[in-house]
ModelCIF file with pLDDT and N, C-alpha, C, O atoms, coordinates in Angstrom:
data_MODEL
#
_entry.id   MODEL 
#
_entity.id                         1 
_entity.type                       polymer 
_entity.pdbx_number_of_molecules   1 
#
_entity_poly.entity_id                      1 
_entity_poly.type                           'polypeptide(L)' 
_entity_poly.nstd_linkage                   no 
_entity_poly.nstd_monomer                   no 
_entity_poly.pdbx_seq_one_letter_code       IGDSICEDDKMELALDILMQAKAKGVQVHIPVDVVAANKFSNDAETQV 
_entity_poly.pdbx_seq_one_letter_code_can   IGDSICEDDKMELALDILMQAKAKGVQVHIPVDVVAANKFSNDAETQV 
_entity_poly.pdbx_strand_id                 A 
#
loop_
_entity_poly_seq.entity_id 
_entity_poly_seq.num 
_entity_poly_seq.mon_id 
_entity_poly_seq.hetero 
1 1  ILE n 
1 2  GLY n 
1 3  ASP n 
1 4  SER n 
1 5  ILE n 
1 6  CYS n 
1 7  GLU n 
1 8  ASP n 
1 9  ASP n 
1 10 LYS n 
1 11 MET n 
1 12 GLU n 
1 13 LEU n 
1 14 ALA n 
1 15 LEU n 
1 16 ASP n 
1 17 ILE n 
1 18 LEU n 
1 19 MET n 
1 20 GLN n 
1 21 ALA n 
1 22 LYS n 
1 23 ALA n 
1 24 LYS n 
1 25 GLY n 
1 26 VAL n 
1 27 GLN n 
1 28 VAL n 
1 29 HIS n 
1 30 ILE n 
1 31 PRO n 
1 32 VAL n 
1 33 ASP n 
1 34 VAL n 
1 35 VAL n 
1 36 ALA n 
1 37 ALA n 
1 38 ASN n 
1 39 LYS n 
1 40 PHE n 
1 41 SER n 
1 42 ASN n 
1 43 ASP n 
1 44 ALA n 
1 45 GLU n 
1 46 THR n 
1 47 GLN n 
1 48 VAL n 
#
_struct_asym.id          A 
_struct_asym.entity_id   1 
#
loop_
_ma_qa_metric.id 
_ma_qa_metric.mode 
_ma_qa_metric.name 
_ma_qa_metric.software_group_id 
_ma_qa_metric.type 
1 global pLDDT . pLDDT 
2 local  pLDDT . pLDDT 
#
_ma_qa_metric_global.metric_id      1 
_ma_qa_metric_global.metric_value   97.10 
_ma_qa_metric_global.model_id       1 
_ma_qa_metric_global.ordinal_id     1 
#
loop_
_ma_qa_metric_local.label_asym_id 
_ma_qa_metric_local.label_comp_id 
_ma_qa_metric_local.label_seq_id 
_ma_qa_metric_local.metric_id 
_ma_qa_metric_local.metric_value 
_ma_qa_metric_local.model_id 
_ma_qa_metric_local.ordinal_id 
A ILE 1  2 98.00 1 1  
A GLY 2  2 98.00 1 2  
A ASP 3  2 97.00 1 3  
A SER 4  2 97.00 1 4  
A ILE 5  2 97.00 1 5  
A CYS 6  2 96.00 1 6  
A GLU 7  2 96.00 1 7  
A ASP 8  2 96.00 1 8  
A ASP 9  2 96.00 1 9  
A LYS 10 2 95.00 1 10 
A MET 11 2 96.00 1 11 
A GLU 12 2 96.00 1 12 
A LEU 13 2 95.00 1 13 
A ALA 14 2 95.00 1 14 
A LEU 15 2 97.00 1 15 
A ASP 16 2 96.00 1 16 
A ILE 17 2 96.00 1 17 
A LEU 18 2 97.00 1 18 
A MET 19 2 97.00 1 19 
A GLN 20 2 97.00 1 20 
A ALA 21 2 97.00 1 21 
A LYS 22 2 97.00 1 22 
A ALA 23 2 97.00 1 23 
A LYS 24 2 97.00 1 24 
A GLY 25 2 97.00 1 25 
A VAL 26 2 98.00 1 26 
A GLN 27 2 98.00 1 27 
A VAL 28 2 98.00 1 28 
A HIS 29 2 98.00 1 29 
A ILE 30 2 98.00 1 30 
A PRO 31 2 98.00 1 31 
A VAL 32 2 98.00 1 32 
A ASP 33 2 98.00 1 33 
A VAL 34 2 98.00 1 34 
A VAL 35 2 98.00 1 35 
A ALA 36 2 98.00 1 36 
A ALA 37 2 98.00 1 37 
A ASN 38 2 97.00 1 38 
A LYS 39 2 97.00 1 39 
A PHE 40 2 97.00 1 40 
A SER 41 2 97.00 1 41 
A ASN 42 2 97.00 1 42 
A ASP 43 2 97.00 1 43 
A ALA 44 2 98.00 1 44 
A GLU 45 2 98.00 1 45 
A THR 46 2 98.00 1 46 
A GLN 47 2 98.00 1 47 
A VAL 48 2 98.00 1 48 
#
loop_
_atom_site.group_PDB 
_atom_site.id 
_atom_site.type_symbol 
_atom_site.label_atom_id 
_atom_site.label_alt_id 
_atom_site.label_comp_id 
_atom_site.label_asym_id 
_atom_site.label_entity_id 
_atom_site.label_seq_id 
_atom_site.pdbx_PDB_ins_code 
_atom_site.Cartn_x 
_atom_site.Cartn_y 
_atom_site.Cartn_z 
_atom_site.occupancy 
_atom_site.B_iso_or_equiv 
_atom_site.pdbx_formal_charge 
_atom_site.auth_seq_id 
_atom_site.auth_comp_id 
_atom_site.auth_asym_id 
_atom_site.auth_atom_id 
_atom_site.pdbx_PDB_model_num 
ATOM 1   N N  . ILE A 1 1  ? -16.589 6.319  13.912 1.00 98.00 ? 1  ILE A N  1 
ATOM 2   C CA . ILE A 1 1  ? -17.309 5.501  12.919 1.00 98.00 ? 1  ILE A CA 1 
ATOM 3   C C  . ILE A 1 1  ? -18.825 5.690  12.977 1.00 98.00 ? 1  ILE A C  1 
ATOM 4   O O  . ILE A 1 1  ? -19.572 4.941  12.348 1.00 98.00 ? 1  ILE A O  1 
ATOM 5   N N  . GLY A 1 2  ? -19.284 6.709  13.744 1.00 98.00 ? 2  GLY A N  1 
ATOM 6   C CA . GLY A 1 2  ? -20.722 6.961  13.817 1.00 98.00 ? 2  GLY A CA 1 
ATOM 7   C C  . GLY A 1 2  ? -21.470 5.747  14.310 1.00 98.00 ? 2  GLY A C  1 
ATOM 8   O O  . GLY A 1 2  ? -21.110 5.154  15.327 1.00 98.00 ? 2  GLY A O  1 
ATOM 9   N N  . ASP A 1 3  ? -22.534 5.369  13.574 1.00 97.00 ? 3  ASP A N  1 
ATOM 10  C CA . ASP A 1 3  ? -23.348 4.215  13.970 1.00 97.00 ? 3  ASP A CA 1 
ATOM 11  C C  . ASP A 1 3  ? -22.974 2.954  13.185 1.00 97.00 ? 3  ASP A C  1 
ATOM 12  O O  . ASP A 1 3  ? -23.758 2.006  13.126 1.00 97.00 ? 3  ASP A O  1 
ATOM 13  N N  . SER A 1 4  ? -21.788 2.939  12.588 1.00 97.00 ? 4  SER A N  1 
ATOM 14  C CA . SER A 1 4  ? -21.383 1.776  11.779 1.00 97.00 ? 4  SER A CA 1 
ATOM 15  C C  . SER A 1 4  ? -21.223 0.536  12.651 1.00 97.00 ? 4  SER A C  1 
ATOM 16  O O  . SER A 1 4  ? -20.945 0.627  13.847 1.00 97.00 ? 4  SER A O  1 
ATOM 17  N N  . ILE A 1 5  ? -21.403 -0.615 12.031 1.00 97.00 ? 5  ILE A N  1 
ATOM 18  C CA . ILE A 1 5  ? -21.243 -1.905 12.716 1.00 97.00 ? 5  ILE A CA 1 
ATOM 19  C C  . ILE A 1 5  ? -19.804 -2.027 13.250 1.00 97.00 ? 5  ILE A C  1 
ATOM 20  O O  . ILE A 1 5  ? -18.852 -1.622 12.583 1.00 97.00 ? 5  ILE A O  1 
ATOM 21  N N  . CYS A 1 6  ? -19.661 -2.585 14.453 1.00 96.00 ? 6  CYS A N  1 
ATOM 22  C CA . CYS A 1 6  ? -18.318 -2.708 15.022 1.00 96.00 ? 6  CYS A CA 1 
ATOM 23  C C  . CYS A 1 6  ? -18.310 -3.784 16.101 1.00 96.00 ? 6  CYS A C  1 
ATOM 24  O O  . CYS A 1 6  ? -19.246 -3.890 16.894 1.00 96.00 ? 6  CYS A O  1 
ATOM 25  N N  . GLU A 1 7  ? -17.240 -4.586 16.122 1.00 96.00 ? 7  GLU A N  1 
ATOM 26  C CA . GLU A 1 7  ? -17.071 -5.553 17.216 1.00 96.00 ? 7  GLU A CA 1 
ATOM 27  C C  . GLU A 1 7  ? -16.089 -4.956 18.216 1.00 96.00 ? 7  GLU A C  1 
ATOM 28  O O  . GLU A 1 7  ? -14.875 -5.106 18.077 1.00 96.00 ? 7  GLU A O  1 
ATOM 29  N N  . ASP A 1 8  ? -16.624 -4.285 19.213 1.00 96.00 ? 8  ASP A N  1 
ATOM 30  C CA . ASP A 1 8  ? -15.760 -3.611 20.202 1.00 96.00 ? 8  ASP A CA 1 
ATOM 31  C C  . ASP A 1 8  ? -14.788 -4.575 20.879 1.00 96.00 ? 8  ASP A C  1 
ATOM 32  O O  . ASP A 1 8  ? -13.653 -4.211 21.188 1.00 96.00 ? 8  ASP A O  1 
ATOM 33  N N  . ASP A 1 9  ? -15.245 -5.812 21.108 1.00 96.00 ? 9  ASP A N  1 
ATOM 34  C CA . ASP A 1 9  ? -14.378 -6.777 21.806 1.00 96.00 ? 9  ASP A CA 1 
ATOM 35  C C  . ASP A 1 9  ? -13.281 -7.344 20.908 1.00 96.00 ? 9  ASP A C  1 
ATOM 36  O O  . ASP A 1 9  ? -12.456 -8.139 21.359 1.00 96.00 ? 9  ASP A O  1 
ATOM 37  N N  . LYS A 1 10 ? -13.271 -6.935 19.628 1.00 95.00 ? 10 LYS A N  1 
ATOM 38  C CA . LYS A 1 10 ? -12.246 -7.445 18.708 1.00 95.00 ? 10 LYS A CA 1 
ATOM 39  C C  . LYS A 1 10 ? -11.278 -6.344 18.278 1.00 95.00 ? 10 LYS A C  1 
ATOM 40  O O  . LYS A 1 10 ? -10.460 -6.556 17.382 1.00 95.00 ? 10 LYS A O  1 
ATOM 41  N N  . MET A 1 11 ? -11.363 -5.173 18.906 1.00 96.00 ? 11 MET A N  1 
ATOM 42  C CA . MET A 1 11 ? -10.504 -4.059 18.476 1.00 96.00 ? 11 MET A CA 1 
ATOM 43  C C  . MET A 1 11 ? -9.026  -4.340 18.754 1.00 96.00 ? 11 MET A C  1 
ATOM 44  O O  . MET A 1 11 ? -8.155  -3.984 17.961 1.00 96.00 ? 11 MET A O  1 
ATOM 45  N N  . GLU A 1 12 ? -8.765  -4.973 19.877 1.00 96.00 ? 12 GLU A N  1 
ATOM 46  C CA . GLU A 1 12 ? -7.376  -5.302 20.214 1.00 96.00 ? 12 GLU A CA 1 
ATOM 47  C C  . GLU A 1 12 ? -6.808  -6.297 19.193 1.00 96.00 ? 12 GLU A C  1 
ATOM 48  O O  . GLU A 1 12 ? -5.654  -6.213 18.773 1.00 96.00 ? 12 GLU A O  1 
ATOM 49  N N  . LEU A 1 13 ? -7.672  -7.234 18.821 1.00 95.00 ? 13 LEU A N  1 
ATOM 50  C CA . LEU A 1 13 ? -7.300  -8.238 17.830 1.00 95.00 ? 13 LEU A CA 1 
ATOM 51  C C  . LEU A 1 13 ? -6.967  -7.565 16.489 1.00 95.00 ? 13 LEU A C  1 
ATOM 52  O O  . LEU A 1 13 ? -6.007  -7.936 15.814 1.00 95.00 ? 13 LEU A O  1 
ATOM 53  N N  . ALA A 1 14 ? -7.778  -6.574 16.124 1.00 95.00 ? 14 ALA A N  1 
ATOM 54  C CA . ALA A 1 14 ? -7.546  -5.852 14.869 1.00 95.00 ? 14 ALA A CA 1 
ATOM 55  C C  . ALA A 1 14 ? -6.168  -5.179 14.886 1.00 95.00 ? 14 ALA A C  1 
ATOM 56  O O  . ALA A 1 14 ? -5.432  -5.231 13.901 1.00 95.00 ? 14 ALA A O  1 
ATOM 57  N N  . LEU A 1 15 ? -5.833  -4.557 15.997 1.00 97.00 ? 15 LEU A N  1 
ATOM 58  C CA . LEU A 1 15 ? -4.516  -3.910 16.121 1.00 97.00 ? 15 LEU A CA 1 
ATOM 59  C C  . LEU A 1 15 ? -3.391  -4.945 16.057 1.00 97.00 ? 15 LEU A C  1 
ATOM 60  O O  . LEU A 1 15 ? -2.329  -4.702 15.484 1.00 97.00 ? 15 LEU A O  1 
ATOM 61  N N  . ASP A 1 16 ? -3.655  -6.096 16.657 1.00 96.00 ? 16 ASP A N  1 
ATOM 62  C CA . ASP A 1 16 ? -2.670  -7.180 16.648 1.00 96.00 ? 16 ASP A CA 1 
ATOM 63  C C  . ASP A 1 16 ? -2.423  -7.675 15.219 1.00 96.00 ? 16 ASP A C  1 
ATOM 64  O O  . ASP A 1 16 ? -1.287  -7.948 14.831 1.00 96.00 ? 16 ASP A O  1 
ATOM 65  N N  . ILE A 1 17 ? -3.509  -7.786 14.447 1.00 96.00 ? 17 ILE A N  1 
ATOM 66  C CA . ILE A 1 17 ? -3.389  -8.216 13.041 1.00 96.00 ? 17 ILE A CA 1 
ATOM 67  C C  . ILE A 1 17 ? -2.522  -7.222 12.268 1.00 96.00 ? 17 ILE A C  1 
ATOM 68  O O  . ILE A 1 17 ? -1.666  -7.620 11.478 1.00 96.00 ? 17 ILE A O  1 
ATOM 69  N N  . LEU A 1 18 ? -2.750  -5.925 12.500 1.00 97.00 ? 18 LEU A N  1 
ATOM 70  C CA . LEU A 1 18 ? -1.966  -4.897 11.801 1.00 97.00 ? 18 LEU A CA 1 
ATOM 71  C C  . LEU A 1 18 ? -0.486  -4.991 12.160 1.00 97.00 ? 18 LEU A C  1 
ATOM 72  O O  . LEU A 1 18 ? 0.386   -4.806 11.311 1.00 97.00 ? 18 LEU A O  1 
ATOM 73  N N  . MET A 1 19 ? -0.213  -5.286 13.449 1.00 97.00 ? 19 MET A N  1 
ATOM 74  C CA . MET A 1 19 ? 1.184   -5.438 13.877 1.00 97.00 ? 19 MET A CA 1 
ATOM 75  C C  . MET A 1 19 ? 1.831   -6.672 13.252 1.00 97.00 ? 19 MET A C  1 
ATOM 76  O O  . MET A 1 19 ? 2.967   -6.624 12.781 1.00 97.00 ? 19 MET A O  1 
ATOM 77  N N  . GLN A 1 20 ? 1.081   -7.783 13.260 1.00 97.00 ? 20 GLN A N  1 
ATOM 78  C CA . GLN A 1 20 ? 1.608   -9.022 12.653 1.00 97.00 ? 20 GLN A CA 1 
ATOM 79  C C  . GLN A 1 20 ? 1.906   -8.808 11.172 1.00 97.00 ? 20 GLN A C  1 
ATOM 80  O O  . GLN A 1 20 ? 2.935   -9.250 10.662 1.00 97.00 ? 20 GLN A O  1 
ATOM 81  N N  . ALA A 1 21 ? 0.981   -8.119 10.488 1.00 97.00 ? 21 ALA A N  1 
ATOM 82  C CA . ALA A 1 21 ? 1.141   -7.871 9.056  1.00 97.00 ? 21 ALA A CA 1 
ATOM 83  C C  . ALA A 1 21 ? 2.402   -7.043 8.803  1.00 97.00 ? 21 ALA A C  1 
ATOM 84  O O  . ALA A 1 21 ? 3.181   -7.327 7.893  1.00 97.00 ? 21 ALA A O  1 
ATOM 85  N N  . LYS A 1 22 ? 2.580   -6.023 9.626  1.00 97.00 ? 22 LYS A N  1 
ATOM 86  C CA . LYS A 1 22 ? 3.753   -5.151 9.478  1.00 97.00 ? 22 LYS A CA 1 
ATOM 87  C C  . LYS A 1 22 ? 5.044   -5.955 9.668  1.00 97.00 ? 22 LYS A C  1 
ATOM 88  O O  . LYS A 1 22 ? 6.009   -5.811 8.917  1.00 97.00 ? 22 LYS A O  1 
ATOM 89  N N  . ALA A 1 23 ? 5.024   -6.808 10.702 1.00 97.00 ? 23 ALA A N  1 
ATOM 90  C CA . ALA A 1 23 ? 6.215   -7.622 11.001 1.00 97.00 ? 23 ALA A CA 1 
ATOM 91  C C  . ALA A 1 23 ? 6.541   -8.569 9.850  1.00 97.00 ? 23 ALA A C  1 
ATOM 92  O O  . ALA A 1 23 ? 7.708   -8.892 9.623  1.00 97.00 ? 23 ALA A O  1 
ATOM 93  N N  . LYS A 1 24 ? 5.521   -9.013 9.126  1.00 97.00 ? 24 LYS A N  1 
ATOM 94  C CA . LYS A 1 24 ? 5.727   -9.981 8.043  1.00 97.00 ? 24 LYS A CA 1 
ATOM 95  C C  . LYS A 1 24 ? 5.872   -9.292 6.687  1.00 97.00 ? 24 LYS A C  1 
ATOM 96  O O  . LYS A 1 24 ? 6.011   -9.953 5.657  1.00 97.00 ? 24 LYS A O  1 
ATOM 97  N N  . GLY A 1 25 ? 5.839   -7.968 6.697  1.00 97.00 ? 25 GLY A N  1 
ATOM 98  C CA . GLY A 1 25 ? 5.989   -7.239 5.431  1.00 97.00 ? 25 GLY A CA 1 
ATOM 99  C C  . GLY A 1 25 ? 4.769   -7.284 4.531  1.00 97.00 ? 25 GLY A C  1 
ATOM 100 O O  . GLY A 1 25 ? 4.877   -7.111 3.317  1.00 97.00 ? 25 GLY A O  1 
ATOM 101 N N  . VAL A 1 26 ? 3.601   -7.518 5.131  1.00 98.00 ? 26 VAL A N  1 
ATOM 102 C CA . VAL A 1 26 ? 2.359   -7.552 4.342  1.00 98.00 ? 26 VAL A CA 1 
ATOM 103 C C  . VAL A 1 26 ? 1.729   -6.155 4.356  1.00 98.00 ? 26 VAL A C  1 
ATOM 104 O O  . VAL A 1 26 ? 1.532   -5.562 5.417  1.00 98.00 ? 26 VAL A O  1 
ATOM 105 N N  . GLN A 1 27 ? 1.417   -5.645 3.169  1.00 98.00 ? 27 GLN A N  1 
ATOM 106 C CA . GLN A 1 27 ? 0.773   -4.328 3.105  1.00 98.00 ? 27 GLN A CA 1 
ATOM 107 C C  . GLN A 1 27 ? -0.733  -4.489 3.323  1.00 98.00 ? 27 GLN A C  1 
ATOM 108 O O  . GLN A 1 27 ? -1.391  -5.258 2.622  1.00 98.00 ? 27 GLN A O  1 
ATOM 109 N N  . VAL A 1 28 ? -1.270  -3.755 4.301  1.00 98.00 ? 28 VAL A N  1 
ATOM 110 C CA . VAL A 1 28 ? -2.712  -3.832 4.575  1.00 98.00 ? 28 VAL A CA 1 
ATOM 111 C C  . VAL A 1 28 ? -3.393  -2.616 3.968  1.00 98.00 ? 28 VAL A C  1 
ATOM 112 O O  . VAL A 1 28 ? -2.953  -1.483 4.163  1.00 98.00 ? 28 VAL A O  1 
ATOM 113 N N  . HIS A 1 29 ? -4.468  -2.860 3.230  1.00 98.00 ? 29 HIS A N  1 
ATOM 114 C CA . HIS A 1 29 ? -5.218  -1.777 2.577  1.00 98.00 ? 29 HIS A CA 1 
ATOM 115 C C  . HIS A 1 29 ? -6.613  -1.707 3.186  1.00 98.00 ? 29 HIS A C  1 
ATOM 116 O O  . HIS A 1 29 ? -7.408  -2.640 3.074  1.00 98.00 ? 29 HIS A O  1 
ATOM 117 N N  . ILE A 1 30 ? -6.890  -0.577 3.834  1.00 98.00 ? 30 ILE A N  1 
ATOM 118 C CA . ILE A 1 30 ? -8.190  -0.375 4.478  1.00 98.00 ? 30 ILE A CA 1 
ATOM 119 C C  . ILE A 1 30 ? -8.871  0.797  3.776  1.00 98.00 ? 30 ILE A C  1 
ATOM 120 O O  . ILE A 1 30 ? -8.193  1.743  3.377  1.00 98.00 ? 30 ILE A O  1 
ATOM 121 N N  . PRO A 1 31 ? -10.191 0.759  3.614  1.00 98.00 ? 31 PRO A N  1 
ATOM 122 C CA . PRO A 1 31 ? -10.880 1.881  2.955  1.00 98.00 ? 31 PRO A CA 1 
ATOM 123 C C  . PRO A 1 31 ? -10.518 3.235  3.573  1.00 98.00 ? 31 PRO A C  1 
ATOM 124 O O  . PRO A 1 31 ? -10.338 3.354  4.785  1.00 98.00 ? 31 PRO A O  1 
ATOM 125 N N  . VAL A 1 32 ? -10.413 4.267  2.698  1.00 98.00 ? 32 VAL A N  1 
ATOM 126 C CA . VAL A 1 32 ? -10.111 5.623  3.187  1.00 98.00 ? 32 VAL A CA 1 
ATOM 127 C C  . VAL A 1 32 ? -11.359 6.496  3.207  1.00 98.00 ? 32 VAL A C  1 
ATOM 128 O O  . VAL A 1 32 ? -11.418 7.495  3.923  1.00 98.00 ? 32 VAL A O  1 
ATOM 129 N N  . ASP A 1 33 ? -12.352 6.111  2.417  1.00 98.00 ? 33 ASP A N  1 
ATOM 130 C CA . ASP A 1 33 ? -13.623 6.848  2.445  1.00 98.00 ? 33 ASP A CA 1 
ATOM 131 C C  . ASP A 1 33 ? -14.787 5.871  2.287  1.00 98.00 ? 33 ASP A C  1 
ATOM 132 O O  . ASP A 1 33 ? -14.622 4.757  1.788  1.00 98.00 ? 33 ASP A O  1 
ATOM 133 N N  . VAL A 1 34 ? -15.961 6.313  2.722  1.00 98.00 ? 34 VAL A N  1 
ATOM 134 C CA . VAL A 1 34 ? -17.144 5.439  2.669  1.00 98.00 ? 34 VAL A CA 1 
ATOM 135 C C  . VAL A 1 34 ? -18.364 6.205  2.201  1.00 98.00 ? 34 VAL A C  1 
ATOM 136 O O  . VAL A 1 34 ? -18.428 7.432  2.289  1.00 98.00 ? 34 VAL A O  1 
ATOM 137 N N  . VAL A 1 35 ? -19.336 5.446  1.700  1.00 98.00 ? 35 VAL A N  1 
ATOM 138 C CA . VAL A 1 35 ? -20.666 6.002  1.456  1.00 98.00 ? 35 VAL A CA 1 
ATOM 139 C C  . VAL A 1 35 ? -21.432 5.771  2.753  1.00 98.00 ? 35 VAL A C  1 
ATOM 140 O O  . VAL A 1 35 ? -21.747 4.635  3.106  1.00 98.00 ? 35 VAL A O  1 
ATOM 141 N N  . ALA A 1 36 ? -21.727 6.862  3.457  1.00 98.00 ? 36 ALA A N  1 
ATOM 142 C CA . ALA A 1 36 ? -22.435 6.756  4.737  1.00 98.00 ? 36 ALA A CA 1 
ATOM 143 C C  . ALA A 1 36 ? -23.921 7.040  4.528  1.00 98.00 ? 36 ALA A C  1 
ATOM 144 O O  . ALA A 1 36 ? -24.302 7.846  3.679  1.00 98.00 ? 36 ALA A O  1 
ATOM 145 N N  . ALA A 1 37 ? -24.747 6.364  5.317  1.00 98.00 ? 37 ALA A N  1 
ATOM 146 C CA . ALA A 1 37 ? -26.199 6.526  5.197  1.00 98.00 ? 37 ALA A CA 1 
ATOM 147 C C  . ALA A 1 37 ? -26.784 6.871  6.560  1.00 98.00 ? 37 ALA A C  1 
ATOM 148 O O  . ALA A 1 37 ? -26.225 6.514  7.596  1.00 98.00 ? 37 ALA A O  1 
ATOM 149 N N  . ASN A 1 38 ? -27.931 7.580  6.546  1.00 97.00 ? 38 ASN A N  1 
ATOM 150 C CA . ASN A 1 38 ? -28.539 7.961  7.830  1.00 97.00 ? 38 ASN A CA 1 
ATOM 151 C C  . ASN A 1 38 ? -29.484 6.884  8.356  1.00 97.00 ? 38 ASN A C  1 
ATOM 152 O O  . ASN A 1 38 ? -30.053 7.030  9.437  1.00 97.00 ? 38 ASN A O  1 
ATOM 153 N N  . LYS A 1 39 ? -29.652 5.801  7.590  1.00 97.00 ? 39 LYS A N  1 
ATOM 154 C CA . LYS A 1 39 ? -30.389 4.623  8.069  1.00 97.00 ? 39 LYS A CA 1 
ATOM 155 C C  . LYS A 1 39 ? -30.011 3.431  7.192  1.00 97.00 ? 39 LYS A C  1 
ATOM 156 O O  . LYS A 1 39 ? -29.477 3.597  6.095  1.00 97.00 ? 39 LYS A O  1 
ATOM 157 N N  . PHE A 1 40 ? -30.296 2.230  7.691  1.00 97.00 ? 40 PHE A N  1 
ATOM 158 C CA . PHE A 1 40 ? -29.934 1.013  6.953  1.00 97.00 ? 40 PHE A CA 1 
ATOM 159 C C  . PHE A 1 40 ? -31.048 0.708  5.950  1.00 97.00 ? 40 PHE A C  1 
ATOM 160 O O  . PHE A 1 40 ? -31.898 -0.152 6.179  1.00 97.00 ? 40 PHE A O  1 
ATOM 161 N N  . SER A 1 41 ? -31.020 1.432  4.842  1.00 97.00 ? 41 SER A N  1 
ATOM 162 C CA . SER A 1 41 ? -32.111 1.297  3.879  1.00 97.00 ? 41 SER A CA 1 
ATOM 163 C C  . SER A 1 41 ? -31.637 1.769  2.515  1.00 97.00 ? 41 SER A C  1 
ATOM 164 O O  . SER A 1 41 ? -30.787 2.654  2.421  1.00 97.00 ? 41 SER A O  1 
ATOM 165 N N  . ASN A 1 42 ? -32.182 1.182  1.460  1.00 97.00 ? 42 ASN A N  1 
ATOM 166 C CA . ASN A 1 42 ? -31.771 1.540  0.103  1.00 97.00 ? 42 ASN A CA 1 
ATOM 167 C C  . ASN A 1 42 ? -32.102 2.987  -0.225 1.00 97.00 ? 42 ASN A C  1 
ATOM 168 O O  . ASN A 1 42 ? -31.416 3.616  -1.030 1.00 97.00 ? 42 ASN A O  1 
ATOM 169 N N  . ASP A 1 43 ? -33.167 3.526  0.404  1.00 97.00 ? 43 ASP A N  1 
ATOM 170 C CA . ASP A 1 43 ? -33.552 4.912  0.090  1.00 97.00 ? 43 ASP A CA 1 
ATOM 171 C C  . ASP A 1 43 ? -33.102 5.902  1.161  1.00 97.00 ? 43 ASP A C  1 
ATOM 172 O O  . ASP A 1 43 ? -33.677 6.981  1.304  1.00 97.00 ? 43 ASP A O  1 
ATOM 173 N N  . ALA A 1 44 ? -32.065 5.523  1.911  1.00 98.00 ? 44 ALA A N  1 
ATOM 174 C CA . ALA A 1 44 ? -31.515 6.429  2.929  1.00 98.00 ? 44 ALA A CA 1 
ATOM 175 C C  . ALA A 1 44 ? -30.845 7.623  2.255  1.00 98.00 ? 44 ALA A C  1 
ATOM 176 O O  . ALA A 1 44 ? -30.479 7.567  1.082  1.00 98.00 ? 44 ALA A O  1 
ATOM 177 N N  . GLU A 1 45 ? -30.693 8.700  3.016  1.00 98.00 ? 45 GLU A N  1 
ATOM 178 C CA . GLU A 1 45 ? -29.856 9.803  2.540  1.00 98.00 ? 45 GLU A CA 1 
ATOM 179 C C  . GLU A 1 45 ? -28.408 9.326  2.631  1.00 98.00 ? 45 GLU A C  1 
ATOM 180 O O  . GLU A 1 45 ? -28.050 8.592  3.552  1.00 98.00 ? 45 GLU A O  1 
ATOM 181 N N  . THR A 1 46 ? -27.578 9.744  1.676  1.00 98.00 ? 46 THR A N  1 
ATOM 182 C CA . THR A 1 46 ? -26.174 9.299  1.717  1.00 98.00 ? 46 THR A CA 1 
ATOM 183 C C  . THR A 1 46 ? -25.212 10.465 1.559  1.00 98.00 ? 46 THR A C  1 
ATOM 184 O O  . THR A 1 46 ? -25.567 11.508 1.011  1.00 98.00 ? 46 THR A O  1 
ATOM 185 N N  . GLN A 1 47 ? -24.002 10.279 2.041  1.00 98.00 ? 47 GLN A N  1 
ATOM 186 C CA . GLN A 1 47 ? -22.927 11.243 1.794  1.00 98.00 ? 47 GLN A CA 1 
ATOM 187 C C  . GLN A 1 47 ? -21.602 10.481 1.808  1.00 98.00 ? 47 GLN A C  1 
ATOM 188 O O  . GLN A 1 47 ? -21.474 9.469  2.497  1.00 98.00 ? 47 GLN A O  1 
ATOM 189 N N  . VAL A 1 48 ? -20.626 10.960 1.056  1.00 98.00 ? 48 VAL A N  1 
ATOM 190 C CA . VAL A 1 48 ? -19.300 10.345 1.062  1.00 98.00 ? 48 VAL A CA 1 
ATOM 191 C C  . VAL A 1 48 ? -18.453 11.076 2.096  1.00 98.00 ? 48 VAL A C  1 
ATOM 192 O O  . VAL A 1 48 ? -17.285 10.737 2.289  1.00 98.00 ? 48 VAL A O  1 
#
């Protein structure tokens, strides 16, 4: 994920949510692509 924001201490929880969703038949939709920037700024360089 490069320098993207992330809660490292919640990664296990995220996996648990995906398992619970699967068990309950809930389809989870997570982004497949992103607009990435080289800095947190409106005039940053970007790439998909």
